[in-house]
Amino acid sequence: MCAADPYRPPDDLRARVELLRKGGHEIESVVEGRSMEPAIPLGARIRIMPAQRAPAVGTTAAIVTPGGLVAHRVIGRGRLPWNRRFVLTQGDGTVFCDPPIPVGLVLGEVRAWRHDGDWREVEGRSSGARAVARWATLWRTLVRSALVVHPRLAAVLVRWSLRGRVAPVRWSA
């Protein structure tokens, strides 16, 4: 028997994602944080279209994490045998990206949002988000390069950048 895969998400999280995907219907949720502002404002209702594959780079994805559902933009995907199971995500209003996310935990694409009005499509990064991202481009490139080497290296860089502000996600005991 092989050793446990440290990058394999817990079975209960994977089961939740699969159950939601099999429904095949759009899912609605409410945004509780500011990480995607100004593209998606705090308190907005979002529509998620479950998908079997990870959304393309540049789209906004809904990811199931131990802490709940997170909506962040996909900024990179692994393409090599040792990293193709992972995507890199980042909130438009944040400087640093998230640790590599197993593709199996990507629920689908966030298609639209509504906040006191009509539904709107999720657009690309806004000018405000671009301003935040400009000085973080070097860092993001470094993390993407680390993902090419190995997902663990990318995760270490991201944890270092957060410096204890967010607890590390541990997928296995």
C-alpha atoms as a PDB file:
ATOM      1  CA  MET A   1       0.000   0.000   0.000  1.00  0.00           C
ATOM      2  CA  CYS A   2       1.320   3.455  -0.879  1.00  0.00           C
ATOM      3  CA  ALA A   3       1.829   6.156   1.720  1.00  0.00           C
ATOM      4  CA  ALA A   4      -1.028   8.626   2.139  1.00  0.00           C
ATOM      5  CA  ASP A   5      -1.035  11.449  -0.385  1.00  0.00           C
ATOM      6  CA  PRO A   6      -0.476  14.675   1.614  1.00  0.00           C
ATOM      7  CA  TYR A   7      -2.180  16.670  -1.159  1.00  0.00           C
ATOM      8  CA  ARG A   8      -5.342  14.588  -1.226  1.00  0.00           C
ATOM      9  CA  PRO A   9      -8.235  16.565   0.257  1.00  0.00           C
ATOM     10  CA  PRO A  10     -10.284  14.863   2.976  1.00  0.00           C
ATOM     11  CA  ASP A  11     -12.906  12.461   1.673  1.00  0.00           C
ATOM     12  CA  ASP A  12     -15.775  14.458   3.212  1.00  0.00           C
ATOM     13  CA  LEU A  13     -14.787  17.631   1.293  1.00  0.00           C
ATOM     14  CA  ARG A  14     -14.389  15.751  -1.973  1.00  0.00           C
ATOM     15  CA  ALA A  15     -17.756  14.058  -1.393  1.00  0.00           C
ATOM     16  CA  ARG A  16     -19.457  17.439  -0.878  1.00  0.00           C
ATOM     17  CA  VAL A  17     -17.975  18.785  -4.106  1.00  0.00           C
ATOM     18  CA  GLU A  18     -19.050  15.705  -6.061  1.00  0.00           C
ATOM     19  CA  LEU A  19     -22.576  15.868  -4.643  1.00  0.00           C
ATOM     20  CA  LEU A  20     -22.938  19.526  -5.649  1.00  0.00           C
ATOM     21  CA  ARG A  21     -21.450  18.879  -9.106  1.00  0.00           C
ATOM     22  CA  LYS A  22     -23.809  15.961  -9.799  1.00  0.00           C
ATOM     23  CA  GLY A  23     -26.820  18.185  -9.153  1.00  0.00           C
ATOM     24  CA  GLY A  24     -25.929  20.058 -12.346  1.00  0.00           C
ATOM     25  CA  HIS A  25     -27.839  23.158 -11.245  1.00  0.00           C
ATOM     26  CA  GLU A  26     -26.566  26.643 -10.517  1.00  0.00           C
ATOM     27  CA  ILE A  27     -25.818  27.211  -6.861  1.00  0.00           C
ATOM     28  CA  GLU A  28     -26.303  30.536  -5.105  1.00  0.00           C
ATOM     29  CA  SER A  29     -24.264  31.771  -2.170  1.00  0.00           C
ATOM     30  CA  VAL A  30     -23.554  35.055  -0.380  1.00  0.00           C
ATOM     31  CA  VAL A  31     -20.116  36.699  -0.316  1.00  0.00           C
ATOM     32  CA  GLU A  32     -18.974  37.319   3.250  1.00  0.00           C
ATOM     33  CA  GLY A  33     -15.516  38.771   2.631  1.00  0.00           C
ATOM     34  CA  ARG A  34     -13.855  41.598   0.731  1.00  0.00           C
ATOM     35  CA  SER A  35     -11.146  39.615  -1.071  1.00  0.00           C
ATOM     36  CA  MET A  36     -12.844  39.893  -4.481  1.00  0.00           C
ATOM     37  CA  GLU A  37     -13.701  43.592  -4.234  1.00  0.00           C
ATOM     38  CA  PRO A  38     -14.319  45.564  -6.324  1.00  0.00           C
ATOM     39  CA  ALA A  39     -15.204  42.811  -8.870  1.00  0.00           C
ATOM     40  CA  ILE A  40     -17.671  41.217  -6.404  1.00  0.00           C
ATOM     41  CA  PRO A  41     -18.722  43.397  -3.433  1.00  0.00           C
ATOM     42  CA  LEU A  42     -19.195  42.302   0.155  1.00  0.00           C
ATOM     43  CA  GLY A  43     -22.700  40.942   0.702  1.00  0.00           C
ATOM     44  CA  ALA A  44     -23.305  40.153  -2.964  1.00  0.00           C
ATOM     45  CA  ARG A  45     -25.214  37.032  -3.928  1.00  0.00           C
ATOM     46  CA  ILE A  46     -23.248  34.900  -6.417  1.00  0.00           C
ATOM     47  CA  ARG A  47     -24.233  32.206  -8.911  1.00  0.00           C
ATOM     48  CA  ILE A  48     -21.915  29.238  -9.302  1.00  0.00           C
ATOM     49  CA  MET A  49     -22.118  26.821 -12.220  1.00  0.00           C
ATOM     50  CA  PRO A  50     -20.686  23.453 -11.100  1.00  0.00           C
ATOM     51  CA  ALA A  51     -18.140  22.000 -13.516  1.00  0.00           C
ATOM     52  CA  GLN A  52     -16.137  18.790 -13.821  1.00  0.00           C
ATOM     53  CA  ARG A  53     -12.990  20.681 -14.860  1.00  0.00           C
ATOM     54  CA  ALA A  54     -11.214  23.643 -13.313  1.00  0.00           C
ATOM     55  CA  PRO A  55     -12.203  26.987 -14.844  1.00  0.00           C
ATOM     56  CA  ALA A  56      -9.760  28.661 -17.211  1.00  0.00           C
ATOM     57  CA  VAL A  57      -7.103  31.062 -15.975  1.00  0.00           C
ATOM     58  CA  GLY A  58      -8.688  34.489 -15.490  1.00  0.00           C
ATOM     59  CA  THR A  59     -12.126  33.248 -14.470  1.00  0.00           C
ATOM     60  CA  THR A  60     -13.488  33.310 -10.932  1.00  0.00           C
ATOM     61  CA  ALA A  61     -13.798  29.894  -9.292  1.00  0.00           C
ATOM     62  CA  ALA A  62     -15.710  28.656  -6.269  1.00  0.00           C
ATOM     63  CA  ILE A  63     -13.510  26.414  -4.143  1.00  0.00           C
ATOM     64  CA  VAL A  64     -14.571  24.182  -1.255  1.00  0.00           C
ATOM     65  CA  THR A  65     -12.153  24.541   1.676  1.00  0.00           C
ATOM     66  CA  PRO A  66     -12.229  23.247   5.256  1.00  0.00           C
ATOM     67  CA  GLY A  67     -13.444  26.737   6.257  1.00  0.00           C
ATOM     68  CA  GLY A  68     -16.232  26.929   3.685  1.00  0.00           C
ATOM     69  CA  LEU A  69     -16.759  28.111   0.134  1.00  0.00           C
ATOM     70  CA  VAL A  70     -14.239  30.610  -1.307  1.00  0.00           C
ATOM     71  CA  ALA A  71     -14.591  32.561  -4.556  1.00  0.00           C
ATOM     72  CA  HIS A  72     -11.242  33.675  -6.025  1.00  0.00           C
ATOM     73  CA  ARG A  73      -9.823  34.245  -9.495  1.00  0.00           C
ATOM     74  CA  VAL A  74      -7.773  31.433 -11.095  1.00  0.00           C
ATOM     75  CA  ILE A  75      -4.293  32.845 -11.801  1.00  0.00           C
ATOM     76  CA  GLY A  76      -2.437  29.665 -12.771  1.00  0.00           C
ATOM     77  CA  ARG A  77      -2.753  25.939 -13.435  1.00  0.00           C
ATOM     78  CA  GLY A  78      -0.284  23.122 -13.235  1.00  0.00           C
ATOM     79  CA  ARG A  79       0.505  21.456 -16.570  1.00  0.00           C
ATOM     80  CA  LEU A  80       3.179  18.896 -15.682  1.00  0.00           C
ATOM     81  CA  PRO A  81       2.633  15.388 -14.251  1.00  0.00           C
ATOM     82  CA  TRP A  82       3.487  16.435 -10.677  1.00  0.00           C
ATOM     83  CA  ASN A  83       1.444  19.673 -10.608  1.00  0.00           C
ATOM     84  CA  ARG A  84      -1.483  19.256 -13.002  1.00  0.00           C
ATOM     85  CA  ARG A  85      -3.771  18.419 -10.080  1.00  0.00           C
ATOM     86  CA  PHE A  86      -3.498  22.007  -8.799  1.00  0.00           C
ATOM     87  CA  VAL A  87      -4.652  25.545  -9.550  1.00  0.00           C
ATOM     88  CA  LEU A  88      -3.451  28.839  -8.065  1.00  0.00           C
ATOM     89  CA  THR A  89      -6.087  31.356  -7.025  1.00  0.00           C
ATOM     90  CA  GLN A  90      -6.087  34.884  -5.680  1.00  0.00           C
ATOM     91  CA  GLY A  91      -8.690  37.390  -4.576  1.00  0.00           C
ATOM     92  CA  ASP A  92      -8.768  40.492  -6.787  1.00  0.00           C
ATOM     93  CA  GLY A  93      -8.455  42.728  -3.732  1.00  0.00           C
ATOM     94  CA  THR A  94      -5.537  40.817  -2.183  1.00  0.00           C
ATOM     95  CA  VAL A  95      -1.820  41.060  -2.774  1.00  0.00           C
ATOM     96  CA  PHE A  96      -0.799  37.460  -2.163  1.00  0.00           C
ATOM     97  CA  CYS A  97      -2.207  34.344  -3.785  1.00  0.00           C
ATOM     98  CA  ASP A  98      -3.655  31.285  -2.076  1.00  0.00           C
ATOM     99  CA  PRO A  99      -1.773  28.009  -1.586  1.00  0.00           C
ATOM    100  CA  PRO A 100      -2.127  25.559  -4.493  1.00  0.00           C
ATOM    101  CA  ILE A 101      -5.669  24.142  -4.539  1.00  0.00           C
ATOM    102  CA  PRO A 102      -6.370  20.560  -5.626  1.00  0.00           C
ATOM    103  CA  VAL A 103      -8.515  20.673  -8.786  1.00  0.00           C
ATOM    104  CA  GLY A 104     -10.894  18.221  -7.123  1.00  0.00           C
ATOM    105  CA  LEU A 105     -12.001  20.973  -4.727  1.00  0.00           C
ATOM    106  CA  VAL A 106     -12.915  23.463  -7.449  1.00  0.00           C
ATOM    107  CA  LEU A 107     -16.697  23.407  -7.453  1.00  0.00           C
ATOM    108  CA  GLY A 108     -17.128  25.515 -10.574  1.00  0.00           C
ATOM    109  CA  GLU A 109     -17.145  28.976 -12.077  1.00  0.00           C
ATOM    110  CA  VAL A 110     -18.725  32.021 -10.467  1.00  0.00           C
ATOM    111  CA  ARG A 111     -20.844  33.303 -13.338  1.00  0.00           C
ATOM    112  CA  ALA A 112     -22.766  36.268 -11.932  1.00  0.00           C
ATOM    113  CA  TRP A 113     -23.389  38.401  -8.864  1.00  0.00           C
ATOM    114  CA  ARG A 114     -26.154  40.632  -7.544  1.00  0.00           C
ATOM    115  CA  HIS A 115     -26.061  43.323  -4.899  1.00  0.00           C
ATOM    116  CA  ASP A 116     -29.193  45.454  -4.513  1.00  0.00           C
ATOM    117  CA  GLY A 117     -30.211  45.135  -8.132  1.00  0.00           C
ATOM    118  CA  ASP A 118     -29.929  43.048 -11.268  1.00  0.00           C
ATOM    119  CA  TRP A 119     -27.587  40.119 -11.856  1.00  0.00           C
ATOM    120  CA  ARG A 120     -24.238  41.105 -13.413  1.00  0.00           C
ATOM    121  CA  GLU A 121     -21.552  38.993 -15.036  1.00  0.00           C
ATOM    122  CA  VAL A 122     -18.264  38.624 -13.174  1.00  0.00           C
ATOM    123  CA  GLU A 123     -15.757  40.715 -15.096  1.00  0.00           C
ATOM    124  CA  GLY A 124     -11.986  40.645 -15.243  1.00  0.00           C
ATOM    125  CA  ARG A 125      -9.860  42.471 -12.746  1.00  0.00           C
ATOM    126  CA  SER A 126     -10.907  46.085 -12.260  1.00  0.00           C
ATOM    127  CA  SER A 127      -8.510  49.027 -12.277  1.00  0.00           C
ATOM    128  CA  GLY A 128      -8.440  49.058  -8.475  1.00  0.00           C
ATOM    129  CA  ALA A 129      -7.514  45.389  -8.387  1.00  0.00           C
ATOM    130  CA  ARG A 130      -4.887  45.967 -11.059  1.00  0.00           C
ATOM    131  CA  ALA A 131      -3.281  48.640  -8.894  1.00  0.00           C
ATOM    132  CA  VAL A 132      -3.015  46.153  -6.010  1.00  0.00           C
ATOM    133  CA  ALA A 133      -1.756  43.470  -8.371  1.00  0.00           C
ATOM    134  CA  ARG A 134       0.966  45.530 -10.054  1.00  0.00           C
ATOM    135  CA  TRP A 135       3.466  45.353  -7.245  1.00  0.00           C
ATOM    136  CA  ALA A 136       2.443  41.748  -6.504  1.00  0.00           C
ATOM    137  CA  THR A 137       3.129  40.545 -10.058  1.00  0.00           C
ATOM    138  CA  LEU A 138       6.678  39.515  -9.197  1.00  0.00           C
ATOM    139  CA  TRP A 139       5.468  37.553  -6.187  1.00  0.00           C
ATOM    140  CA  ARG A 140       2.721  35.835  -8.176  1.00  0.00           C
ATOM    141  CA  THR A 141       5.236  34.878 -10.867  1.00  0.00           C
ATOM    142  CA  LEU A 142       7.516  33.445  -8.194  1.00  0.00           C
ATOM    143  CA  VAL A 143       4.697  31.314  -6.739  1.00  0.00           C
ATOM    144  CA  ARG A 144       3.671  30.107 -10.221  1.00  0.00           C
ATOM    145  CA  SER A 145       7.283  29.126 -10.879  1.00  0.00           C
ATOM    146  CA  ALA A 146       7.397  27.325  -7.543  1.00  0.00           C
ATOM    147  CA  LEU A 147       4.267  25.374  -8.526  1.00  0.00           C
ATOM    148  CA  VAL A 148       6.104  24.168 -11.638  1.00  0.00           C
ATOM    149  CA  VAL A 149       8.872  22.820  -9.409  1.00  0.00           C
ATOM    150  CA  HIS A 150       6.494  21.283  -6.845  1.00  0.00           C
ATOM    151  CA  PRO A 151       3.184  22.195  -5.156  1.00  0.00           C
ATOM    152  CA  ARG A 152       4.825  21.930  -1.721  1.00  0.00           C
ATOM    153  CA  LEU A 153       7.316  24.701  -2.598  1.00  0.00           C
ATOM    154  CA  ALA A 154       4.473  26.971  -3.748  1.00  0.00           C
ATOM    155  CA  ALA A 155       2.577  26.258  -0.519  1.00  0.00           C
ATOM    156  CA  VAL A 156       5.638  27.111   1.590  1.00  0.00           C
ATOM    157  CA  LEU A 157       6.057  30.453  -0.210  1.00  0.00           C
ATOM    158  CA  VAL A 158       2.390  31.328   0.267  1.00  0.00           C
ATOM    159  CA  ARG A 159       2.454  30.402   3.971  1.00  0.00           C
ATOM    160  CA  TRP A 160       5.552  32.560   4.395  1.00  0.00           C
ATOM    161  CA  SER A 161       3.849  35.494   2.668  1.00  0.00           C
ATOM    162  CA  LEU A 162       0.847  35.244   4.996  1.00  0.00           C
ATOM    163  CA  ARG A 163       3.121  35.166   8.059  1.00  0.00           C
ATOM    164  CA  GLY A 164       0.576  33.559  10.346  1.00  0.00           C
ATOM    165  CA  ARG A 165      -2.383  35.749   9.341  1.00  0.00           C
ATOM    166  CA  VAL A 166      -4.159  32.648   8.039  1.00  0.00           C
ATOM    167  CA  ALA A 167      -3.845  29.168   9.475  1.00  0.00           C
ATOM    168  CA  PRO A 168      -2.261  26.708   7.047  1.00  0.00           C
ATOM    169  CA  VAL A 169      -4.638  24.218   5.446  1.00  0.00           C
ATOM    170  CA  ARG A 170      -3.675  20.666   6.368  1.00  0.00           C
ATOM    171  CA  TRP A 171      -5.266  18.110   4.074  1.00  0.00           C
ATOM    172  CA  SER A 172      -4.064  15.063   5.972  1.00  0.00           C
ATOM    173  CA  ALA A 173      -3.274  14.169   9.566  1.00  0.00           C
END
